[in-house]
Amino acid sequence: MRRLAAVTTALIGFVLVSFGLAAVAGWDEARVVTTLEALGGGPRVAVVLALVLMVDVVLPVPSSAIMTLDGALFGPWLGAAVSTVGCCGSAAIGYGLGRTLGSRATRWTGADDPVVRGWLTRWGAFVVAATRPVPVLAEVTAAVAGVHTVPAPRFALGVVVGVVPTAAGYAWAGAYGSSGVIVAGALGVPGALLLIARWLRGRS
């Protein structure tokens, strides 16, 4: 478990360093949002916004601002759909990058230990879902899930449960200019849903 924590910490450091290098190279998050906002609506813009969210795994994309912009440009339903596609794509990329490290990384991090594997199998989906709304941790947990070979179906379940309410909350706020209460509520939904699912599973 110590090696598991060490790898997670190392990945957080890697993401922060990559974000720092991007900033030094002139990456301006505010300018990114302004540029995208000026594009207006339309199918091509929807594709661009989804792609921007996908590269959040390697670049400091202001994902919350982008998801809010999706709602403002496309309305709550389509805006949420665009954000969901982008965020799920980003998670899949992170998971794939983790998997490419292969069995050697799995042995080094201790994920082949029965205790660690059992913990990841049991709680992997919950951790993935609960961290979807959290910058940096969202990218890191996707990569960690890949490194430690969390089963793909469980990973996908965690991503969908975490992303959909988050994307919906931001899209609603963007479409209707709602207060942060709606967004805050949406951010708590992923963890709440999985806690309920865990409770129901324990009773069955």
Foldseek 3Di string as FASTA:
>chain_A
DVLLVVLLVVLLVVQVVLQVVCVVVPDDQVVVLVVLLVVADDPVSLVVLLQLLLCVLRYVHPLLSSLLSLLQRPNLPRSLVSSLSSLLNNLVVLLVVLQVVDPVLLVSSVLVPPVNVVCCQVCLLLLQQLCSVPRSSNSSSSSSCNNSVHDPVSNSNSSNLNRNLQSSQSSNCSNPVDDCVSNVVSSCRSNVVVVVVVVVVVVD
